[in-house]
Amino acid sequence: MDQIARTTKDLGNTLRRARKAQNLTQAELASRAGIWQRTVSNIETSASGAKVDTIFDLLAALDLELHIVPRSKIRPSDLEDMF
């Protein structure tokens, strides 16, 4: 599952897709990550203001990792086709 996330909204959508791909509810993911279900919901709808530690807790609970790479020269319209 390779996803490009350039905004907090993109990140939230990516986490939601990963959670659903693993057939987890928000409550189940929250339990795995040691956070509140409401926090999962807030991050999935807009990760704005989320603590970095919380994002990493969710990534670990979903068995995902974060890769930082140079930004590609992709156009915004190309991103829409990917999602």
PDB file of N, CA and C in Angstrom:
ATOM      1  N   MET A   1       0.840  -1.177   0.000  1.00  0.00           N
ATOM      2  CA  MET A   1       0.000   0.000   0.000  1.00  0.00           C
ATOM      3  C   MET A   1       0.888   1.244   0.000  1.00  0.00           C
ATOM      4  N   ASP A   2       1.208   1.751  -1.149  1.00  0.00           N
ATOM      5  CA  ASP A   2       1.966   2.988  -1.251  1.00  0.00           C
ATOM      6  C   ASP A   2       0.996   4.130  -1.503  1.00  0.00           C
ATOM      7  N   GLN A   3       1.048   5.133  -0.661  1.00  0.00           N
ATOM      8  CA  GLN A   3       0.169   6.291  -0.776  1.00  0.00           C
ATOM      9  C   GLN A   3       0.993   7.559  -0.667  1.00  0.00           C
ATOM     10  N   ILE A   4       0.594   8.581  -1.390  1.00  0.00           N
ATOM     11  CA  ILE A   4       1.206   9.892  -1.255  1.00  0.00           C
ATOM     12  C   ILE A   4       0.282  10.737  -0.396  1.00  0.00           C
ATOM     13  N   ALA A   5       0.851  11.309   0.656  1.00  0.00           N
ATOM     14  CA  ALA A   5       0.084  12.202   1.531  1.00  0.00           C
ATOM     15  C   ALA A   5       0.845  13.511   1.645  1.00  0.00           C
ATOM     16  N   ARG A   6       0.241  14.560   1.135  1.00  0.00           N
ATOM     17  CA  ARG A   6       0.875  15.880   1.166  1.00  0.00           C
ATOM     18  C   ARG A   6       0.142  16.851   2.074  1.00  0.00           C
ATOM     19  N   THR A   7      -1.005  16.458   2.552  1.00  0.00           N
ATOM     20  CA  THR A   7      -1.781  17.311   3.445  1.00  0.00           C
ATOM     21  C   THR A   7      -2.281  16.463   4.611  1.00  0.00           C
ATOM     22  N   THR A   8      -2.759  17.131   5.644  1.00  0.00           N
ATOM     23  CA  THR A   8      -3.317  16.390   6.781  1.00  0.00           C
ATOM     24  C   THR A   8      -4.556  15.603   6.354  1.00  0.00           C
ATOM     25  N   LYS A   9      -5.318  16.148   5.429  1.00  0.00           N
ATOM     26  CA  LYS A   9      -6.495  15.430   4.920  1.00  0.00           C
ATOM     27  C   LYS A   9      -6.073  14.157   4.195  1.00  0.00           C
ATOM     28  N   ASP A  10      -5.015  14.257   3.374  1.00  0.00           N
ATOM     29  CA  ASP A  10      -4.490  13.071   2.681  1.00  0.00           C
ATOM     30  C   ASP A  10      -4.057  12.010   3.690  1.00  0.00           C
ATOM     31  N   LEU A  11      -3.380  12.434   4.738  1.00  0.00           N
ATOM     32  CA  LEU A  11      -2.912  11.499   5.759  1.00  0.00           C
ATOM     33  C   LEU A  11      -4.090  10.808   6.440  1.00  0.00           C
ATOM     34  N   GLY A  12      -5.095  11.574   6.790  1.00  0.00           N
ATOM     35  CA  GLY A  12      -6.284  10.996   7.414  1.00  0.00           C
ATOM     36  C   GLY A  12      -6.970   9.989   6.518  1.00  0.00           C
ATOM     37  N   ASN A  13      -7.083  10.317   5.229  1.00  0.00           N
ATOM     38  CA  ASN A  13      -7.701   9.403   4.262  1.00  0.00           C
ATOM     39  C   ASN A  13      -6.884   8.130   4.114  1.00  0.00           C
ATOM     40  N   THR A  14      -5.574   8.268   4.112  1.00  0.00           N
ATOM     41  CA  THR A  14      -4.691   7.103   3.998  1.00  0.00           C
ATOM     42  C   THR A  14      -4.853   6.189   5.205  1.00  0.00           C
ATOM     43  N   LEU A  15      -4.897   6.765   6.383  1.00  0.00           N
ATOM     44  CA  LEU A  15      -5.088   5.960   7.598  1.00  0.00           C
ATOM     45  C   LEU A  15      -6.449   5.275   7.583  1.00  0.00           C
ATOM     46  N   ARG A  16      -7.480   5.960   7.137  1.00  0.00           N
ATOM     47  CA  ARG A  16      -8.822   5.368   7.062  1.00  0.00           C
ATOM     48  C   ARG A  16      -8.820   4.174   6.112  1.00  0.00           C
ATOM     49  N   ARG A  17      -8.226   4.356   4.931  1.00  0.00           N
ATOM     50  CA  ARG A  17      -8.180   3.246   3.956  1.00  0.00           C
ATOM     51  C   ARG A  17      -7.425   2.045   4.518  1.00  0.00           C
ATOM     52  N   ALA A  18      -6.325   2.311   5.211  1.00  0.00           N
ATOM     53  CA  ALA A  18      -5.543   1.218   5.798  1.00  0.00           C
ATOM     54  C   ALA A  18      -6.357   0.493   6.870  1.00  0.00           C
ATOM     55  N   ARG A  19      -7.070   1.251   7.686  1.00  0.00           N
ATOM     56  CA  ARG A  19      -7.906   0.650   8.737  1.00  0.00           C
ATOM     57  C   ARG A  19      -8.992  -0.222   8.121  1.00  0.00           C
ATOM     58  N   LYS A  20      -9.664   0.311   7.107  1.00  0.00           N
ATOM     59  CA  LYS A  20     -10.743  -0.449   6.466  1.00  0.00           C
ATOM     60  C   LYS A  20     -10.215  -1.678   5.730  1.00  0.00           C
ATOM     61  N   ALA A  21      -9.029  -1.568   5.136  1.00  0.00           N
ATOM     62  CA  ALA A  21      -8.423  -2.709   4.444  1.00  0.00           C
ATOM     63  C   ALA A  21      -8.140  -3.852   5.407  1.00  0.00           C
ATOM     64  N   GLN A  22      -7.925  -3.512   6.682  1.00  0.00           N
ATOM     65  CA  GLN A  22      -7.672  -4.531   7.700  1.00  0.00           C
ATOM     66  C   GLN A  22      -8.960  -4.911   8.456  1.00  0.00           C
ATOM     67  N   ASN A  23     -10.087  -4.432   7.949  1.00  0.00           N
ATOM     68  CA  ASN A  23     -11.396  -4.723   8.546  1.00  0.00           C
ATOM     69  C   ASN A  23     -11.464  -4.366  10.026  1.00  0.00           C
ATOM     70  N   LEU A  24     -10.906  -3.212  10.371  1.00  0.00           N
ATOM     71  CA  LEU A  24     -10.939  -2.738  11.755  1.00  0.00           C
ATOM     72  C   LEU A  24     -11.929  -1.598  11.888  1.00  0.00           C
ATOM     73  N   THR A  25     -12.606  -1.553  13.020  1.00  0.00           N
ATOM     74  CA  THR A  25     -13.426  -0.387  13.328  1.00  0.00           C
ATOM     75  C   THR A  25     -12.517   0.678  13.921  1.00  0.00           C
ATOM     76  N   GLN A  26     -13.025   1.887  14.011  1.00  0.00           N
ATOM     77  CA  GLN A  26     -12.250   2.940  14.660  1.00  0.00           C
ATOM     78  C   GLN A  26     -11.966   2.574  16.115  1.00  0.00           C
ATOM     79  N   ALA A  27     -12.935   1.971  16.777  1.00  0.00           N
ATOM     80  CA  ALA A  27     -12.754   1.578  18.179  1.00  0.00           C
ATOM     81  C   ALA A  27     -11.661   0.514  18.318  1.00  0.00           C
ATOM     82  N   GLU A  28     -11.638  -0.446  17.405  1.00  0.00           N
ATOM     83  CA  GLU A  28     -10.607  -1.490  17.458  1.00  0.00           C
ATOM     84  C   GLU A  28      -9.214  -0.900  17.223  1.00  0.00           C
ATOM     85  N   LEU A  29      -9.117  -0.008  16.243  1.00  0.00           N
ATOM     86  CA  LEU A  29      -7.834   0.633  15.982  1.00  0.00           C
ATOM     87  C   LEU A  29      -7.404   1.479  17.167  1.00  0.00           C
ATOM     88  N   ALA A  30      -8.336   2.207  17.735  1.00  0.00           N
ATOM     89  CA  ALA A  30      -8.025   3.034  18.901  1.00  0.00           C
ATOM     90  C   ALA A  30      -7.503   2.185  20.049  1.00  0.00           C
ATOM     91  N   SER A  31      -8.119   1.048  20.267  1.00  0.00           N
ATOM     92  CA  SER A  31      -7.679   0.146  21.329  1.00  0.00           C
ATOM     93  C   SER A  31      -6.260  -0.338  21.080  1.00  0.00           C
ATOM     94  N   ARG A  32      -5.971  -0.713  19.833  1.00  0.00           N
ATOM     95  CA  ARG A  32      -4.625  -1.177  19.484  1.00  0.00           C
ATOM     96  C   ARG A  32      -3.579  -0.075  19.694  1.00  0.00           C
ATOM     97  N   ALA A  33      -3.967   1.169  19.373  1.00  0.00           N
ATOM     98  CA  ALA A  33      -3.029   2.290  19.442  1.00  0.00           C
ATOM     99  C   ALA A  33      -2.975   2.925  20.824  1.00  0.00           C
ATOM    100  N   GLY A  34      -3.912   2.553  21.687  1.00  0.00           N
ATOM    101  CA  GLY A  34      -3.943   3.122  23.032  1.00  0.00           C
ATOM    102  C   GLY A  34      -4.450   4.556  23.063  1.00  0.00           C
ATOM    103  N   ILE A  35      -5.384   4.861  22.174  1.00  0.00           N
ATOM    104  CA  ILE A  35      -5.960   6.197  22.121  1.00  0.00           C
ATOM    105  C   ILE A  35      -7.481   6.090  22.113  1.00  0.00           C
ATOM    106  N   TRP A  36      -8.168   7.217  22.146  1.00  0.00           N
ATOM    107  CA  TRP A  36      -9.628   7.244  22.121  1.00  0.00           C
ATOM    108  C   TRP A  36     -10.142   7.055  20.695  1.00  0.00           C
ATOM    109  N   GLN A  37     -11.306   6.442  20.563  1.00  0.00           N
ATOM    110  CA  GLN A  37     -11.949   6.283  19.255  1.00  0.00           C
ATOM    111  C   GLN A  37     -12.195   7.641  18.625  1.00  0.00           C
ATOM    112  N   ARG A  38     -12.570   8.620  19.429  1.00  0.00           N
ATOM    113  CA  ARG A  38     -12.840   9.976  18.924  1.00  0.00           C
ATOM    114  C   ARG A  38     -11.576  10.564  18.279  1.00  0.00           C
ATOM    115  N   THR A  39     -10.414  10.245  18.824  1.00  0.00           N
ATOM    116  CA  THR A  39      -9.154  10.733  18.250  1.00  0.00           C
ATOM    117  C   THR A  39      -8.942  10.130  16.869  1.00  0.00           C
ATOM    118  N   VAL A  40      -9.223   8.842  16.724  1.00  0.00           N
ATOM    119  CA  VAL A  40      -9.110   8.193  15.406  1.00  0.00           C
ATOM    120  C   VAL A  40     -10.043   8.891  14.419  1.00  0.00           C
ATOM    121  N   SER A  41     -11.266   9.137  14.831  1.00  0.00           N
ATOM    122  CA  SER A  41     -12.238   9.803  13.975  1.00  0.00           C
ATOM    123  C   SER A  41     -11.747  11.187  13.559  1.00  0.00           C
ATOM    124  N   ASN A  42     -11.242  11.960  14.506  1.00  0.00           N
ATOM    125  CA  ASN A  42     -10.747  13.306  14.202  1.00  0.00           C
ATOM    126  C   ASN A  42      -9.583  13.269  13.224  1.00  0.00           C
ATOM    127  N   ILE A  43      -8.684  12.331  13.412  1.00  0.00           N
ATOM    128  CA  ILE A  43      -7.521  12.225  12.522  1.00  0.00           C
ATOM    129  C   ILE A  43      -7.956  11.786  11.130  1.00  0.00           C
ATOM    130  N   GLU A  44      -8.879  10.840  11.052  1.00  0.00           N
ATOM    131  CA  GLU A  44      -9.331  10.371   9.747  1.00  0.00           C
ATOM    132  C   GLU A  44     -10.060  11.459   8.968  1.00  0.00           C
ATOM    133  N   THR A  45     -10.727  12.359   9.648  1.00  0.00           N
ATOM    134  CA  THR A  45     -11.455  13.412   8.941  1.00  0.00           C
ATOM    135  C   THR A  45     -10.570  14.608   8.631  1.00  0.00           C
ATOM    136  N   SER A  46      -9.575  14.855   9.455  1.00  0.00           N
ATOM    137  CA  SER A  46      -8.597  15.919   9.195  1.00  0.00           C
ATOM    138  C   SER A  46      -7.550  15.838  10.284  1.00  0.00           C
ATOM    139  N   ALA A  47      -6.379  15.322   9.943  1.00  0.00           N
ATOM    140  CA  ALA A  47      -5.326  15.088  10.931  1.00  0.00           C
ATOM    141  C   ALA A  47      -4.715  16.379  11.463  1.00  0.00           C
ATOM    142  N   SER A  48      -5.270  17.510  11.084  1.00  0.00           N
ATOM    143  CA  SER A  48      -4.759  18.802  11.532  1.00  0.00           C
ATOM    144  C   SER A  48      -4.752  18.868  13.054  1.00  0.00           C
ATOM    145  N   GLY A  49      -3.620  19.215  13.613  1.00  0.00           N
ATOM    146  CA  GLY A  49      -3.496  19.339  15.057  1.00  0.00           C
ATOM    147  C   GLY A  49      -3.166  18.044  15.771  1.00  0.00           C
ATOM    148  N   ALA A  50      -3.111  16.948  15.040  1.00  0.00           N
ATOM    149  CA  ALA A  50      -2.792  15.663  15.666  1.00  0.00           C
ATOM    150  C   ALA A  50      -1.332  15.661  16.101  1.00  0.00           C
ATOM    151  N   LYS A  51      -1.081  15.055  17.245  1.00  0.00           N
ATOM    152  CA  LYS A  51       0.291  14.929  17.723  1.00  0.00           C
ATOM    153  C   LYS A  51       1.035  13.915  16.861  1.00  0.00           C
ATOM    154  N   VAL A  52       2.288  14.193  16.598  1.00  0.00           N
ATOM    155  CA  VAL A  52       3.107  13.274  15.804  1.00  0.00           C
ATOM    156  C   VAL A  52       3.168  11.912  16.474  1.00  0.00           C
ATOM    157  N   ASP A  53       3.282  11.884  17.798  1.00  0.00           N
ATOM    158  CA  ASP A  53       3.307  10.609  18.524  1.00  0.00           C
ATOM    159  C   ASP A  53       2.043   9.800  18.258  1.00  0.00           C
ATOM    160  N   THR A  54       0.912  10.472  18.192  1.00  0.00           N
ATOM    161  CA  THR A  54      -0.354   9.775  17.952  1.00  0.00           C
ATOM    162  C   THR A  54      -0.385   9.188  16.549  1.00  0.00           C
ATOM    163  N   ILE A  55       0.114   9.931  15.581  1.00  0.00           N
ATOM    164  CA  ILE A  55       0.181   9.422  14.209  1.00  0.00           C
ATOM    165  C   ILE A  55       1.051   8.174  14.163  1.00  0.00           C
ATOM    166  N   PHE A  56       2.196   8.216  14.843  1.00  0.00           N
ATOM    167  CA  PHE A  56       3.078   7.043  14.853  1.00  0.00           C
ATOM    168  C   PHE A  56       2.443   5.877  15.610  1.00  0.00           C
ATOM    169  N   ASP A  57       1.662   6.145  16.642  1.00  0.00           N
ATOM    170  CA  ASP A  57       0.938   5.076  17.340  1.00  0.00           C
ATOM    171  C   ASP A  57      -0.046   4.397  16.383  1.00  0.00           C
ATOM    172  N   LEU A  58      -0.748   5.204  15.589  1.00  0.00           N
ATOM    173  CA  LEU A  58      -1.693   4.637  14.622  1.00  0.00           C
ATOM    174  C   LEU A  58      -0.974   3.851  13.540  1.00  0.00           C
ATOM    175  N   LEU A  59       0.118   4.390  13.034  1.00  0.00           N
ATOM    176  CA  LEU A  59       0.888   3.662  12.021  1.00  0.00           C
ATOM    177  C   LEU A  59       1.366   2.320  12.553  1.00  0.00           C
ATOM    178  N   ALA A  60       1.861   2.302  13.777  1.00  0.00           N
ATOM    179  CA  ALA A  60       2.331   1.049  14.377  1.00  0.00           C
ATOM    180  C   ALA A  60       1.171   0.068  14.549  1.00  0.00           C
ATOM    181  N   ALA A  61       0.025   0.564  14.986  1.00  0.00           N
ATOM    182  CA  ALA A  61      -1.138  -0.302  15.189  1.00  0.00           C
ATOM    183  C   ALA A  61      -1.631  -0.899  13.872  1.00  0.00           C
ATOM    184  N   LEU A  62      -1.388  -0.190  12.773  1.00  0.00           N
ATOM    185  CA  LEU A  62      -1.776  -0.673  11.447  1.00  0.00           C
ATOM    186  C   LEU A  62      -0.634  -1.415  10.749  1.00  0.00           C
ATOM    187  N   ASP A  63       0.482  -1.586  11.454  1.00  0.00           N
ATOM    188  CA  ASP A  63       1.675  -2.239  10.916  1.00  0.00           C
ATOM    189  C   ASP A  63       2.166  -1.532   9.647  1.00  0.00           C
ATOM    190  N   LEU A  64       2.198  -0.191   9.726  1.00  0.00           N
ATOM    191  CA  LEU A  64       2.680   0.641   8.631  1.00  0.00           C
ATOM    192  C   LEU A  64       3.880   1.446   9.103  1.00  0.00           C
ATOM    193  N   GLU A  65       4.628   1.976   8.148  1.00  0.00           N
ATOM    194  CA  GLU A  65       5.737   2.855   8.478  1.00  0.00           C
ATOM    195  C   GLU A  65       5.702   4.062   7.562  1.00  0.00           C
ATOM    196  N   LEU A  66       6.394   5.098   7.976  1.00  0.00           N
ATOM    197  CA  LEU A  66       6.427   6.352   7.235  1.00  0.00           C
ATOM    198  C   LEU A  66       7.753   6.469   6.498  1.00  0.00           C
ATOM    199  N   HIS A  67       7.683   6.787   5.221  1.00  0.00           N
ATOM    200  CA  HIS A  67       8.892   7.017   4.421  1.00  0.00           C
ATOM    201  C   HIS A  67       8.888   8.477   3.985  1.00  0.00           C
ATOM    202  N   ILE A  68       9.983   9.163   4.205  1.00  0.00           N
ATOM    203  CA  ILE A  68      10.116  10.552   3.770  1.00  0.00           C
ATOM    204  C   ILE A  68      10.976  10.560   2.518  1.00  0.00           C
ATOM    205  N   VAL A  69      10.439  11.100   1.443  1.00  0.00           N
ATOM    206  CA  VAL A  69      11.157  11.141   0.168  1.00  0.00           C
ATOM    207  C   VAL A  69      11.002  12.534  -0.432  1.00  0.00           C
ATOM    208  N   PRO A  70      11.898  12.897  -1.349  1.00  0.00           N
ATOM    209  CA  PRO A  70      11.739  14.186  -2.026  1.00  0.00           C
ATOM    210  C   PRO A  70      10.392  14.240  -2.755  1.00  0.00           C
ATOM    211  N   ARG A  71       9.811  15.404  -2.748  1.00  0.00           N
ATOM    212  CA  ARG A  71       8.519  15.586  -3.400  1.00  0.00           C
ATOM    213  C   ARG A  71       8.661  15.371  -4.899  1.00  0.00           C
ATOM    214  N   SER A  72       7.744  14.601  -5.465  1.00  0.00           N
ATOM    215  CA  SER A  72       7.748  14.366  -6.903  1.00  0.00           C
ATOM    216  C   SER A  72       7.158  15.576  -7.613  1.00  0.00           C
ATOM    217  N   LYS A  73       7.348  15.628  -8.877  1.00  0.00           N
ATOM    218  CA  LYS A  73       6.836  16.746  -9.683  1.00  0.00           C
ATOM    219  C   LYS A  73       5.485  16.382 -10.277  1.00  0.00           C
ATOM    220  N   ILE A  74       4.641  15.798  -9.459  1.00  0.00           N
ATOM    221  CA  ILE A  74       3.331  15.377  -9.913  1.00  0.00           C
ATOM    222  C   ILE A  74       2.352  16.558  -9.825  1.00  0.00           C
ATOM    223  N   ARG A  75       1.449  16.629 -10.755  1.00  0.00           N
ATOM    224  CA  ARG A  75       0.443  17.698 -10.764  1.00  0.00           C
ATOM    225  C   ARG A  75      -0.692  17.322  -9.825  1.00  0.00           C
ATOM    226  N   PRO A  76      -1.369  18.320  -9.242  1.00  0.00           N
ATOM    227  CA  PRO A  76      -2.492  18.026  -8.339  1.00  0.00           C
ATOM    228  C   PRO A  76      -3.567  17.149  -8.991  1.00  0.00           C
ATOM    229  N   SER A  77      -3.817  17.340 -10.272  1.00  0.00           N
ATOM    230  CA  SER A  77      -4.832  16.517 -10.945  1.00  0.00           C
ATOM    231  C   SER A  77      -4.414  15.060 -11.016  1.00  0.00           C
ATOM    232  N   ASP A  78      -3.099  14.802 -11.075  1.00  0.00           N
ATOM    233  CA  ASP A  78      -2.613  13.426 -11.081  1.00  0.00           C
ATOM    234  C   ASP A  78      -2.886  12.747  -9.744  1.00  0.00           C
ATOM    235  N   LEU A  79      -2.820  13.512  -8.657  1.00  0.00           N
ATOM    236  CA  LEU A  79      -3.078  12.951  -7.325  1.00  0.00           C
ATOM    237  C   LEU A  79      -4.513  12.453  -7.216  1.00  0.00           C
ATOM    238  N   GLU A  80      -5.450  13.190  -7.789  1.00  0.00           N
ATOM    239  CA  GLU A  80      -6.846  12.781  -7.710  1.00  0.00           C
ATOM    240  C   GLU A  80      -7.062  11.429  -8.365  1.00  0.00           C
ATOM    241  N   ASP A  81      -6.327  11.153  -9.431  1.00  0.00           N
ATOM    242  CA  ASP A  81      -6.458   9.870 -10.122  1.00  0.00           C
ATOM    243  C   ASP A  81      -5.937   8.720  -9.269  1.00  0.00           C
ATOM    244  N   MET A  82      -4.998   9.016  -8.347  1.00  0.00           N
ATOM    245  CA  MET A  82      -4.415   7.972  -7.519  1.00  0.00           C
ATOM    246  C   MET A  82      -5.381   7.533  -6.410  1.00  0.00           C
ATOM    247  N   PHE A  83      -6.234   8.430  -5.991  1.00  0.00           N
ATOM    248  CA  PHE A  83      -7.131   8.140  -4.871  1.00  0.00           C
ATOM    249  C   PHE A  83      -8.470   7.892  -5.432  1.00  0.00           C
TER     250      PHE A  83
END
